[in-house]
Amino acid sequence: MLAHNRIMKFPQNLHCIKNLELEDQIPLARFGDYSPEFEARWKEIFQYEARSAAFEIWMARYEEMLRLPTAEKYRQMFKERMSRLLNAMVNNADFRKLCFDKAINVIQTSHDGILFSLFELEVQLVEEQIMDLQLSDEEVRQEVERTFNFYRLQELAVLRAQKGSYENNATTEEEVVDAQETVLFYYISPANTLEMPLN
């Protein structure tokens, strides 16, 4: 059980909920698959820190996404990205707190939202590494280019969504939702960046 559920009292009629199957539940996060050092510190200290339970759920949702057939092609790349994030959290309490706080806001979102939050945390980590002079000039250039491409991709996605909304006589609320969904759709897969129309 997660830390915040350990003292929870479940209702007596829980067994009456239809279609409640064990496989429908999200398994606990397996930090050791990404960073053995983080897993050891998690068991010893991190799991008792404020908001750590939300991060554990966030991580479990991330792993859930990696198990999908559609993620198979990119699974190793996403595992490496998570390894870098967890390793950075081991010795950086401020960054760890930021990750825990971020997780609270996104654990109830879609897989796309989980990926988007991963990117935001990576950007924050790179900013800190640049400030601490931990990256070479070439690494800084690559990260700045990656961030620029991502935000440009967002702008293009929003423009495409607005065009579709105009053609379909969408309401203002529908336009906002369309824009957000389009951005997330093109972010979920690196292949989509090559397919995005430039008009």
C-alpha atoms as a PDB file:
ATOM      1  CA  MET A   1       0.000   0.000   0.000  1.00  0.00           C
ATOM      2  CA  LEU A   2       1.102   3.560  -0.570  1.00  0.00           C
ATOM      3  CA  ALA A   3       2.091   5.636   2.439  1.00  0.00           C
ATOM      4  CA  HIS A   4      -1.073   7.741   2.421  1.00  0.00           C
ATOM      5  CA  ASN A   5      -3.302   4.620   2.281  1.00  0.00           C
ATOM      6  CA  ARG A   6      -1.761   2.682   5.145  1.00  0.00           C
ATOM      7  CA  ILE A   7      -4.256   3.844   7.754  1.00  0.00           C
ATOM      8  CA  MET A   8      -7.248   4.191   5.464  1.00  0.00           C
ATOM      9  CA  LYS A   9     -10.399   2.316   6.537  1.00  0.00           C
ATOM     10  CA  PHE A  10     -12.164   0.790   3.567  1.00  0.00           C
ATOM     11  CA  PRO A  11     -15.965   0.464   3.583  1.00  0.00           C
ATOM     12  CA  GLN A  12     -17.367  -2.949   4.457  1.00  0.00           C
ATOM     13  CA  ASN A  13     -19.193  -3.211   1.140  1.00  0.00           C
ATOM     14  CA  LEU A  14     -16.036  -2.795  -0.932  1.00  0.00           C
ATOM     15  CA  HIS A  15     -16.289  -6.376  -2.168  1.00  0.00           C
ATOM     16  CA  CYS A  16     -19.651  -5.556  -3.733  1.00  0.00           C
ATOM     17  CA  ILE A  17     -18.173  -3.156  -6.301  1.00  0.00           C
ATOM     18  CA  LYS A  18     -18.778  -4.683  -9.721  1.00  0.00           C
ATOM     19  CA  ASN A  19     -15.839  -5.629 -11.932  1.00  0.00           C
ATOM     20  CA  LEU A  20     -13.235  -4.906  -9.252  1.00  0.00           C
ATOM     21  CA  GLU A  21     -10.217  -6.894 -10.400  1.00  0.00           C
ATOM     22  CA  LEU A  22      -6.694  -6.887  -9.010  1.00  0.00           C
ATOM     23  CA  GLU A  23      -5.205  -6.320 -12.459  1.00  0.00           C
ATOM     24  CA  ASP A  24      -7.195  -3.072 -12.748  1.00  0.00           C
ATOM     25  CA  GLN A  25      -5.118  -1.547  -9.971  1.00  0.00           C
ATOM     26  CA  ILE A  26      -1.855   0.233 -10.720  1.00  0.00           C
ATOM     27  CA  PRO A  27       1.126  -1.725  -9.306  1.00  0.00           C
ATOM     28  CA  LEU A  28       3.503   0.078  -6.984  1.00  0.00           C
ATOM     29  CA  ALA A  29       6.359   1.969  -8.598  1.00  0.00           C
ATOM     30  CA  ARG A  30       9.559  -0.016  -9.147  1.00  0.00           C
ATOM     31  CA  PHE A  31      12.242   2.623  -8.667  1.00  0.00           C
ATOM     32  CA  GLY A  32      15.021   0.020  -8.786  1.00  0.00           C
ATOM     33  CA  ASP A  33      14.430  -0.549 -12.499  1.00  0.00           C
ATOM     34  CA  TYR A  34      15.594   3.027 -13.094  1.00  0.00           C
ATOM     35  CA  SER A  35      17.929   3.908 -10.224  1.00  0.00           C
ATOM     36  CA  PRO A  36      19.031   1.376  -7.578  1.00  0.00           C
ATOM     37  CA  GLU A  37      20.491   4.235  -5.530  1.00  0.00           C
ATOM     38  CA  PHE A  38      17.186   6.105  -5.517  1.00  0.00           C
ATOM     39  CA  GLU A  39      15.305   2.934  -4.549  1.00  0.00           C
ATOM     40  CA  ALA A  40      17.612   2.363  -1.561  1.00  0.00           C
ATOM     41  CA  ARG A  41      17.187   5.963  -0.375  1.00  0.00           C
ATOM     42  CA  TRP A  42      13.441   5.762  -1.032  1.00  0.00           C
ATOM     43  CA  LYS A  43      13.040   2.836   1.343  1.00  0.00           C
ATOM     44  CA  GLU A  44      15.267   4.487   3.928  1.00  0.00           C
ATOM     45  CA  ILE A  45      14.215   8.160   3.826  1.00  0.00           C
ATOM     46  CA  PHE A  46      12.425   9.539   0.767  1.00  0.00           C
ATOM     47  CA  GLN A  47       9.112   7.716   1.196  1.00  0.00           C
ATOM     48  CA  TYR A  48       8.600   9.543   4.497  1.00  0.00           C
ATOM     49  CA  GLU A  49       9.106  13.019   3.028  1.00  0.00           C
ATOM     50  CA  ALA A  50       6.151  15.327   2.422  1.00  0.00           C
ATOM     51  CA  ARG A  51       4.153  14.557  -0.734  1.00  0.00           C
ATOM     52  CA  SER A  52       6.258  11.511  -1.583  1.00  0.00           C
ATOM     53  CA  ALA A  53       3.127   9.360  -1.962  1.00  0.00           C
ATOM     54  CA  ALA A  54       1.965  11.515  -4.876  1.00  0.00           C
ATOM     55  CA  PHE A  55       5.313  10.994  -6.589  1.00  0.00           C
ATOM     56  CA  GLU A  56       5.032   7.237  -6.106  1.00  0.00           C
ATOM     57  CA  ILE A  57       1.637   7.286  -7.819  1.00  0.00           C
ATOM     58  CA  TRP A  58       3.048   9.504 -10.592  1.00  0.00           C
ATOM     59  CA  MET A  59       5.888   7.041 -11.110  1.00  0.00           C
ATOM     60  CA  ALA A  60       3.461   4.096 -11.171  1.00  0.00           C
ATOM     61  CA  ARG A  61       1.387   5.881 -13.828  1.00  0.00           C
ATOM     62  CA  TYR A  62       4.586   6.481 -15.815  1.00  0.00           C
ATOM     63  CA  GLU A  63       5.427   2.776 -15.681  1.00  0.00           C
ATOM     64  CA  GLU A  64       1.854   1.945 -16.652  1.00  0.00           C
ATOM     65  CA  MET A  65       2.324   4.049 -19.777  1.00  0.00           C
ATOM     66  CA  LEU A  66       5.613   2.317 -20.632  1.00  0.00           C
ATOM     67  CA  ARG A  67       3.856  -1.065 -20.586  1.00  0.00           C
ATOM     68  CA  LEU A  68       1.492  -0.014 -23.394  1.00  0.00           C
ATOM     69  CA  PRO A  69       2.155  -1.582 -26.814  1.00  0.00           C
ATOM     70  CA  THR A  70       2.295   1.903 -28.366  1.00  0.00           C
ATOM     71  CA  ALA A  71       5.242   2.809 -26.120  1.00  0.00           C
ATOM     72  CA  GLU A  72       7.352  -0.215 -27.038  1.00  0.00           C
ATOM     73  CA  LYS A  73       9.390   1.636 -29.656  1.00  0.00           C
ATOM     74  CA  TYR A  74      10.315   4.423 -27.206  1.00  0.00           C
ATOM     75  CA  ARG A  75      10.427   2.430 -23.956  1.00  0.00           C
ATOM     76  CA  GLN A  76      14.214   2.382 -23.552  1.00  0.00           C
ATOM     77  CA  MET A  77      14.536   6.101 -24.259  1.00  0.00           C
ATOM     78  CA  PHE A  78      11.879   6.940 -21.663  1.00  0.00           C
ATOM     79  CA  LYS A  79      13.526   4.625 -19.116  1.00  0.00           C
ATOM     80  CA  GLU A  80      16.826   6.462 -19.590  1.00  0.00           C
ATOM     81  CA  ARG A  81      15.106   9.818 -19.142  1.00  0.00           C
ATOM     82  CA  MET A  82      13.522   8.654 -15.893  1.00  0.00           C
ATOM     83  CA  SER A  83      16.854   7.257 -14.675  1.00  0.00           C
ATOM     84  CA  ARG A  84      18.475  10.673 -15.115  1.00  0.00           C
ATOM     85  CA  LEU A  85      15.635  12.321 -13.209  1.00  0.00           C
ATOM     86  CA  LEU A  86      15.748   9.888 -10.261  1.00  0.00           C
ATOM     87  CA  ASN A  87      19.548  10.016 -10.038  1.00  0.00           C
ATOM     88  CA  ALA A  88      19.372  13.811  -9.865  1.00  0.00           C
ATOM     89  CA  MET A  89      16.814  13.590  -7.050  1.00  0.00           C
ATOM     90  CA  VAL A  90      19.108  11.467  -4.866  1.00  0.00           C
ATOM     91  CA  ASN A  91      21.477  14.259  -3.824  1.00  0.00           C
ATOM     92  CA  ASN A  92      19.330  17.314  -4.513  1.00  0.00           C
ATOM     93  CA  ALA A  93      16.660  17.790  -1.852  1.00  0.00           C
ATOM     94  CA  ASP A  94      15.262  20.949  -3.471  1.00  0.00           C
ATOM     95  CA  PHE A  95      14.818  19.265  -6.831  1.00  0.00           C
ATOM     96  CA  ARG A  96      13.303  16.210  -5.135  1.00  0.00           C
ATOM     97  CA  LYS A  97      10.765  18.447  -3.363  1.00  0.00           C
ATOM     98  CA  LEU A  98       9.942  20.098  -6.692  1.00  0.00           C
ATOM     99  CA  CYS A  99       9.287  16.680  -8.247  1.00  0.00           C
ATOM    100  CA  PHE A 100       7.096  15.623  -5.327  1.00  0.00           C
ATOM    101  CA  ASP A 101       5.119  18.880  -5.532  1.00  0.00           C
ATOM    102  CA  LYS A 102       4.717  18.589  -9.303  1.00  0.00           C
ATOM    103  CA  ALA A 103       3.392  15.044  -9.020  1.00  0.00           C
ATOM    104  CA  ILE A 104       0.425  16.160  -6.915  1.00  0.00           C
ATOM    105  CA  ASN A 105      -0.899  18.271  -9.782  1.00  0.00           C
ATOM    106  CA  VAL A 106      -0.646  15.645 -12.513  1.00  0.00           C
ATOM    107  CA  ILE A 107      -1.354  12.196 -11.048  1.00  0.00           C
ATOM    108  CA  GLN A 108      -4.984  12.364 -12.191  1.00  0.00           C
ATOM    109  CA  THR A 109      -4.198  13.347 -15.763  1.00  0.00           C
ATOM    110  CA  SER A 110      -3.707  11.309 -18.929  1.00  0.00           C
ATOM    111  CA  HIS A 111      -0.519   9.558 -19.991  1.00  0.00           C
ATOM    112  CA  ASP A 112       0.177  12.554 -22.199  1.00  0.00           C
ATOM    113  CA  GLY A 113      -0.014  14.785 -19.137  1.00  0.00           C
ATOM    114  CA  ILE A 114       2.446  12.525 -17.321  1.00  0.00           C
ATOM    115  CA  LEU A 115       4.886  12.868 -20.232  1.00  0.00           C
ATOM    116  CA  PHE A 116       4.394  16.617 -20.344  1.00  0.00           C
ATOM    117  CA  SER A 117       5.201  16.890 -16.628  1.00  0.00           C
ATOM    118  CA  LEU A 118       8.332  14.770 -17.183  1.00  0.00           C
ATOM    119  CA  PHE A 119       9.494  17.263 -19.798  1.00  0.00           C
ATOM    120  CA  GLU A 120       8.824  20.188 -17.445  1.00  0.00           C
ATOM    121  CA  LEU A 121      10.880  18.521 -14.696  1.00  0.00           C
ATOM    122  CA  GLU A 122      13.695  17.812 -17.153  1.00  0.00           C
ATOM    123  CA  VAL A 123      13.763  21.476 -18.179  1.00  0.00           C
ATOM    124  CA  GLN A 124      13.973  22.503 -14.521  1.00  0.00           C
ATOM    125  CA  LEU A 125      16.832  20.046 -13.952  1.00  0.00           C
ATOM    126  CA  VAL A 126      18.744  21.326 -16.988  1.00  0.00           C
ATOM    127  CA  GLU A 127      18.315  24.919 -15.799  1.00  0.00           C
ATOM    128  CA  GLU A 128      19.837  23.987 -12.441  1.00  0.00           C
ATOM    129  CA  GLN A 129      22.698  22.112 -14.100  1.00  0.00           C
ATOM    130  CA  ILE A 130      23.443  25.086 -16.346  1.00  0.00           C
ATOM    131  CA  MET A 131      23.447  27.453 -13.363  1.00  0.00           C
ATOM    132  CA  ASP A 132      25.827  25.124 -11.499  1.00  0.00           C
ATOM    133  CA  LEU A 133      28.093  24.810 -14.578  1.00  0.00           C
ATOM    134  CA  GLN A 134      27.602  21.029 -14.674  1.00  0.00           C
ATOM    135  CA  LEU A 135      27.091  20.826 -18.453  1.00  0.00           C
ATOM    136  CA  SER A 136      29.558  21.298 -21.291  1.00  0.00           C
ATOM    137  CA  ASP A 137      28.934  23.969 -23.922  1.00  0.00           C
ATOM    138  CA  GLU A 138      27.764  21.309 -26.374  1.00  0.00           C
ATOM    139  CA  GLU A 139      25.344  19.808 -23.839  1.00  0.00           C
ATOM    140  CA  VAL A 140      23.936  23.273 -23.121  1.00  0.00           C
ATOM    141  CA  ARG A 141      23.476  23.879 -26.852  1.00  0.00           C
ATOM    142  CA  GLN A 142      21.662  20.550 -27.280  1.00  0.00           C
ATOM    143  CA  GLU A 143      19.336  21.198 -24.351  1.00  0.00           C
ATOM    144  CA  VAL A 144      18.508  24.732 -25.477  1.00  0.00           C
ATOM    145  CA  GLU A 145      17.783  23.429 -28.977  1.00  0.00           C
ATOM    146  CA  ARG A 146      15.573  20.644 -27.586  1.00  0.00           C
ATOM    147  CA  THR A 147      13.620  23.109 -25.449  1.00  0.00           C
ATOM    148  CA  PHE A 148      13.241  25.555 -28.329  1.00  0.00           C
ATOM    149  CA  ASN A 149      11.980  22.779 -30.621  1.00  0.00           C
ATOM    150  CA  PHE A 150       9.481  21.641 -28.015  1.00  0.00           C
ATOM    151  CA  TYR A 151       8.009  25.096 -27.468  1.00  0.00           C
ATOM    152  CA  ARG A 152       7.935  25.782 -31.210  1.00  0.00           C
ATOM    153  CA  LEU A 153       6.124  22.478 -31.604  1.00  0.00           C
ATOM    154  CA  GLN A 154       3.576  23.657 -29.052  1.00  0.00           C
ATOM    155  CA  GLU A 155       2.991  26.866 -31.002  1.00  0.00           C
ATOM    156  CA  LEU A 156       2.442  24.931 -34.227  1.00  0.00           C
ATOM    157  CA  ALA A 157       0.079  22.529 -32.490  1.00  0.00           C
ATOM    158  CA  VAL A 158      -1.980  25.393 -31.073  1.00  0.00           C
ATOM    159  CA  LEU A 159      -2.201  27.036 -34.508  1.00  0.00           C
ATOM    160  CA  ARG A 160      -3.369  23.765 -36.048  1.00  0.00           C
ATOM    161  CA  ALA A 161      -5.967  23.291 -33.307  1.00  0.00           C
ATOM    162  CA  GLN A 162      -7.244  26.850 -33.784  1.00  0.00           C
ATOM    163  CA  LYS A 163      -7.637  26.259 -37.509  1.00  0.00           C
ATOM    164  CA  GLY A 164      -9.640  23.094 -36.847  1.00  0.00           C
ATOM    165  CA  SER A 165     -11.782  24.847 -34.246  1.00  0.00           C
ATOM    166  CA  TYR A 166     -12.574  27.670 -36.681  1.00  0.00           C
ATOM    167  CA  GLU A 167     -13.576  25.204 -39.397  1.00  0.00           C
ATOM    168  CA  ASN A 168     -15.862  23.347 -36.959  1.00  0.00           C
ATOM    169  CA  ASN A 169     -17.439  26.474 -35.390  1.00  0.00           C
ATOM    170  CA  ALA A 170     -16.157  25.447 -31.952  1.00  0.00           C
ATOM    171  CA  THR A 171     -16.950  27.350 -28.769  1.00  0.00           C
ATOM    172  CA  THR A 172     -14.193  29.132 -26.837  1.00  0.00           C
ATOM    173  CA  GLU A 173     -13.984  26.276 -24.309  1.00  0.00           C
ATOM    174  CA  GLU A 174     -13.748  23.708 -27.103  1.00  0.00           C
ATOM    175  CA  GLU A 175     -10.956  25.729 -28.721  1.00  0.00           C
ATOM    176  CA  VAL A 176      -8.908  25.619 -25.502  1.00  0.00           C
ATOM    177  CA  VAL A 177      -9.433  21.867 -25.122  1.00  0.00           C
ATOM    178  CA  ASP A 178      -8.596  21.250 -28.793  1.00  0.00           C
ATOM    179  CA  ALA A 179      -5.367  23.217 -28.473  1.00  0.00           C
ATOM    180  CA  GLN A 180      -4.269  21.348 -25.355  1.00  0.00           C
ATOM    181  CA  GLU A 181      -5.131  17.940 -26.788  1.00  0.00           C
ATOM    182  CA  THR A 182      -3.240  18.687 -30.002  1.00  0.00           C
ATOM    183  CA  VAL A 183      -0.121  19.780 -28.128  1.00  0.00           C
ATOM    184  CA  LEU A 184      -0.160  16.634 -26.011  1.00  0.00           C
ATOM    185  CA  PHE A 185      -0.814  14.389 -29.003  1.00  0.00           C
ATOM    186  CA  TYR A 186       2.223  15.659 -30.864  1.00  0.00           C
ATOM    187  CA  TYR A 187       4.379  15.512 -27.749  1.00  0.00           C
ATOM    188  CA  ILE A 188       3.674  11.882 -26.859  1.00  0.00           C
ATOM    189  CA  SER A 189       5.658  10.493 -29.794  1.00  0.00           C
ATOM    190  CA  PRO A 190       8.856  11.818 -31.364  1.00  0.00           C
ATOM    191  CA  ALA A 191       7.571  10.492 -34.697  1.00  0.00           C
ATOM    192  CA  ASN A 192       4.678  12.940 -34.598  1.00  0.00           C
ATOM    193  CA  THR A 193       7.037  15.901 -34.800  1.00  0.00           C
ATOM    194  CA  LEU A 194       7.908  14.845 -38.340  1.00  0.00           C
ATOM    195  CA  GLU A 195       4.253  14.578 -39.338  1.00  0.00           C
ATOM    196  CA  MET A 196       3.053  17.930 -38.050  1.00  0.00           C
ATOM    197  CA  PRO A 197       1.866  20.229 -40.856  1.00  0.00           C
ATOM    198  CA  LEU A 198       3.693  23.550 -41.014  1.00  0.00           C
ATOM    199  CA  ASN A 199       0.802  25.645 -42.368  1.00  0.00           C
END
